[in-house]
């Protein structure tokens, strides 16, 4: 999925953006279900969301640094 979203910028910035998007796509539906199923303050969901944005952003940055330097904009993947 990373090569499809690569826009030719800095591998670090592209990786952070990719990781944050993947973190939101994974976190949002999962936590909506968990919040509906358990009792507790909504702040727990927000704190978990902030953590996942950070965690997946770092993972995406590493992915961008490892995979990004050799990725060409017109490469067919």
N, C-alpha and C. Protein backbone atom coordinates (compact mmCIF):
# COMPACT_ATOMS: atom_id res chain seq x y z
N UNK A 1 0.81 -1.19 0.00
CA UNK A 1 0.00 0.00 0.00
C UNK A 1 0.86 1.26 0.00
N UNK A 2 2.01 1.19 0.62
CA UNK A 2 2.86 2.39 0.70
C UNK A 2 3.23 2.93 -0.68
N UNK A 3 3.65 2.09 -1.63
CA UNK A 3 4.01 2.64 -2.94
C UNK A 3 2.85 3.33 -3.66
N UNK A 4 1.64 2.89 -3.43
CA UNK A 4 0.47 3.51 -4.08
C UNK A 4 0.22 4.92 -3.56
N UNK A 5 0.55 5.18 -2.32
CA UNK A 5 0.32 6.49 -1.74
C UNK A 5 1.51 7.40 -1.76
N UNK A 6 2.65 6.89 -2.23
CA UNK A 6 3.88 7.68 -2.26
C UNK A 6 3.74 8.83 -3.25
N UNK A 7 4.00 10.05 -2.79
CA UNK A 7 3.84 11.23 -3.64
C UNK A 7 5.17 11.87 -4.03
N UNK A 8 6.27 11.23 -3.73
CA UNK A 8 7.56 11.74 -4.17
C UNK A 8 8.24 12.70 -3.20
N UNK A 9 7.74 12.85 -2.01
CA UNK A 9 8.35 13.75 -1.04
C UNK A 9 9.45 13.06 -0.25
N UNK A 10 9.78 13.64 0.87
CA UNK A 10 10.77 13.07 1.77
C UNK A 10 10.29 11.71 2.27
N UNK A 11 11.15 10.68 2.24
CA UNK A 11 10.72 9.37 2.74
C UNK A 11 10.22 9.41 4.18
N UNK A 12 10.84 10.23 5.02
CA UNK A 12 10.42 10.34 6.41
C UNK A 12 9.01 10.93 6.51
N UNK A 13 8.77 12.03 5.81
CA UNK A 13 7.45 12.68 5.85
C UNK A 13 6.38 11.79 5.23
N UNK A 14 6.71 11.17 4.11
CA UNK A 14 5.75 10.26 3.46
C UNK A 14 5.42 9.08 4.36
N UNK A 15 6.43 8.54 5.04
CA UNK A 15 6.21 7.42 5.95
C UNK A 15 5.37 7.81 7.15
N UNK A 16 5.63 9.00 7.72
CA UNK A 16 4.81 9.48 8.85
C UNK A 16 3.36 9.64 8.44
N UNK A 17 3.14 10.22 7.26
CA UNK A 17 1.77 10.41 6.77
C UNK A 17 1.09 9.06 6.56
N UNK A 18 1.80 8.13 5.92
CA UNK A 18 1.24 6.80 5.69
C UNK A 18 0.92 6.10 7.00
N UNK A 19 1.84 6.14 7.95
CA UNK A 19 1.62 5.49 9.24
C UNK A 19 0.45 6.08 10.00
N UNK A 20 0.31 7.41 9.97
CA UNK A 20 -0.81 8.05 10.66
C UNK A 20 -2.14 7.66 10.04
N UNK A 21 -2.19 7.59 8.72
CA UNK A 21 -3.44 7.19 8.05
C UNK A 21 -3.78 5.75 8.37
N UNK A 22 -2.80 4.86 8.33
CA UNK A 22 -3.05 3.45 8.65
C UNK A 22 -3.46 3.33 10.12
N UNK A 23 -2.82 4.10 10.99
CA UNK A 23 -3.19 4.08 12.41
C UNK A 23 -4.65 4.48 12.63
N UNK A 24 -5.10 5.52 11.92
CA UNK A 24 -6.50 5.94 12.03
C UNK A 24 -7.44 4.88 11.48
N UNK A 25 -7.08 4.31 10.33
CA UNK A 25 -7.95 3.30 9.73
C UNK A 25 -8.07 2.06 10.62
N UNK A 26 -7.04 1.74 11.37
CA UNK A 26 -7.08 0.59 12.26
C UNK A 26 -7.74 0.95 13.59
N UNK A 27 -7.42 2.12 14.11
CA UNK A 27 -7.87 2.51 15.44
C UNK A 27 -9.35 2.85 15.49
N UNK A 28 -9.83 3.66 14.55
CA UNK A 28 -11.17 4.22 14.64
C UNK A 28 -12.28 3.16 14.73
N UNK A 29 -12.39 2.22 13.79
CA UNK A 29 -13.48 1.24 13.91
C UNK A 29 -13.33 0.33 15.13
N UNK A 30 -12.11 -0.05 15.44
CA UNK A 30 -11.88 -0.93 16.58
C UNK A 30 -12.32 -0.26 17.88
N UNK A 31 -11.95 0.97 18.06
CA UNK A 31 -12.29 1.65 19.31
C UNK A 31 -13.75 2.07 19.39
N UNK A 32 -14.40 2.28 18.27
CA UNK A 32 -15.84 2.53 18.33
C UNK A 32 -16.57 1.31 18.88
N UNK A 33 -16.18 0.14 18.44
CA UNK A 33 -16.79 -1.09 18.94
C UNK A 33 -16.45 -1.29 20.42
N UNK A 34 -15.19 -1.11 20.79
CA UNK A 34 -14.79 -1.29 22.18
C UNK A 34 -15.48 -0.28 23.10
N UNK A 35 -15.61 0.95 22.66
CA UNK A 35 -16.27 1.97 23.48
C UNK A 35 -17.74 1.64 23.68
N UNK A 36 -18.37 1.13 22.63
CA UNK A 36 -19.79 0.77 22.74
C UNK A 36 -19.98 -0.44 23.64
N UNK A 37 -18.99 -1.33 23.69
CA UNK A 37 -19.14 -2.58 24.45
C UNK A 37 -18.75 -2.45 25.92
N UNK A 38 -17.96 -1.43 26.27
CA UNK A 38 -17.52 -1.32 27.65
C UNK A 38 -17.88 0.03 28.23
N UNK A 39 -17.91 0.08 29.54
CA UNK A 39 -18.20 1.34 30.20
C UNK A 39 -16.89 2.05 30.51
N UNK A 40 -16.91 3.34 30.39
CA UNK A 40 -15.73 4.11 30.72
C UNK A 40 -15.81 5.46 30.04
N UNK A 41 -14.92 6.36 30.44
CA UNK A 41 -14.94 7.70 29.86
C UNK A 41 -14.44 7.69 28.40
N UNK A 42 -14.93 8.63 27.63
CA UNK A 42 -14.52 8.74 26.23
C UNK A 42 -13.06 9.17 26.12
N UNK A 43 -12.51 9.76 27.18
CA UNK A 43 -11.11 10.19 27.14
C UNK A 43 -10.16 9.01 26.94
N UNK A 44 -10.56 7.83 27.39
CA UNK A 44 -9.73 6.64 27.18
C UNK A 44 -9.58 6.36 25.69
N UNK A 45 -10.66 6.54 24.95
CA UNK A 45 -10.63 6.33 23.50
C UNK A 45 -9.73 7.35 22.84
N UNK A 46 -9.81 8.60 23.28
CA UNK A 46 -8.97 9.65 22.69
C UNK A 46 -7.49 9.45 23.01
N UNK A 47 -7.19 9.05 24.22
CA UNK A 47 -5.79 8.78 24.59
C UNK A 47 -5.24 7.62 23.78
N UNK A 48 -6.04 6.57 23.63
CA UNK A 48 -5.62 5.44 22.82
C UNK A 48 -5.42 5.85 21.37
N UNK A 49 -6.28 6.72 20.87
CA UNK A 49 -6.14 7.20 19.51
C UNK A 49 -4.86 8.00 19.31
N UNK A 50 -4.54 8.86 20.26
CA UNK A 50 -3.29 9.63 20.18
C UNK A 50 -2.08 8.70 20.20
N UNK A 51 -2.15 7.68 21.05
CA UNK A 51 -1.05 6.72 21.11
C UNK A 51 -0.88 5.99 19.77
N UNK A 52 -1.98 5.57 19.16
CA UNK A 52 -1.88 4.84 17.89
C UNK A 52 -1.39 5.74 16.77
N UNK A 53 -1.78 7.01 16.75
CA UNK A 53 -1.23 7.93 15.75
C UNK A 53 0.28 8.04 15.90
N UNK A 54 0.75 8.14 17.14
CA UNK A 54 2.18 8.23 17.39
C UNK A 54 2.88 6.92 17.00
N UNK A 55 2.35 5.82 17.50
CA UNK A 55 2.97 4.51 17.27
C UNK A 55 3.01 4.14 15.78
N UNK A 56 1.89 4.28 15.10
CA UNK A 56 1.85 3.93 13.69
C UNK A 56 2.60 4.96 12.84
N UNK A 57 2.64 6.20 13.29
CA UNK A 57 3.43 7.21 12.59
C UNK A 57 4.91 6.87 12.61
N UNK A 58 5.41 6.43 13.76
CA UNK A 58 6.81 6.02 13.87
C UNK A 58 7.08 4.80 13.00
N UNK A 59 6.17 3.83 13.03
CA UNK A 59 6.33 2.63 12.19
C UNK A 59 6.32 3.02 10.71
N UNK A 60 5.45 3.94 10.32
CA UNK A 60 5.42 4.41 8.94
C UNK A 60 6.68 5.15 8.55
N UNK A 61 7.23 5.93 9.48
CA UNK A 61 8.48 6.64 9.20
C UNK A 61 9.61 5.65 8.96
N UNK A 62 9.67 4.61 9.76
CA UNK A 62 10.70 3.57 9.55
C UNK A 62 10.48 2.90 8.20
N UNK A 63 9.24 2.59 7.88
CA UNK A 63 8.92 2.01 6.58
C UNK A 63 9.35 2.94 5.45
N UNK A 64 9.07 4.22 5.60
CA UNK A 64 9.47 5.19 4.58
C UNK A 64 10.97 5.29 4.43
N UNK A 65 11.70 5.25 5.54
CA UNK A 65 13.16 5.34 5.45
C UNK A 65 13.77 4.08 4.85
N UNK A 66 13.18 2.93 5.13
CA UNK A 66 13.70 1.68 4.59
C UNK A 66 13.30 1.51 3.13
N UNK A 67 12.06 1.78 2.81
CA UNK A 67 11.52 1.50 1.49
C UNK A 67 11.55 2.70 0.56
N UNK A 68 11.50 3.89 1.11
CA UNK A 68 11.36 5.10 0.33
C UNK A 68 12.52 5.51 -0.54
N UNK A 69 13.78 5.40 -0.10
CA UNK A 69 14.87 5.92 -0.94
C UNK A 69 14.96 5.26 -2.32
N UNK A 70 14.59 4.01 -2.44
CA UNK A 70 14.67 3.33 -3.73
C UNK A 70 13.38 3.41 -4.54
N UNK A 71 12.37 4.05 -4.00
CA UNK A 71 11.06 4.11 -4.66
C UNK A 71 11.03 5.27 -5.64
N UNK A 72 10.74 4.99 -6.87
CA UNK A 72 10.64 6.03 -7.90
C UNK A 72 9.17 6.34 -8.15
N UNK A 73 8.89 7.59 -8.47
CA UNK A 73 7.51 8.02 -8.69
C UNK A 73 6.87 7.25 -9.85
N UNK A 74 7.58 7.00 -10.94
CA UNK A 74 6.99 6.31 -12.09
C UNK A 74 7.22 4.81 -12.06
N UNK A 75 7.67 4.26 -10.96
CA UNK A 75 7.89 2.82 -10.89
C UNK A 75 6.54 2.09 -10.86
N UNK A 76 6.47 1.01 -11.60
CA UNK A 76 5.27 0.19 -11.61
C UNK A 76 5.44 -0.89 -10.56
N UNK A 77 4.52 -0.91 -9.59
CA UNK A 77 4.61 -1.88 -8.51
C UNK A 77 3.47 -2.84 -8.60
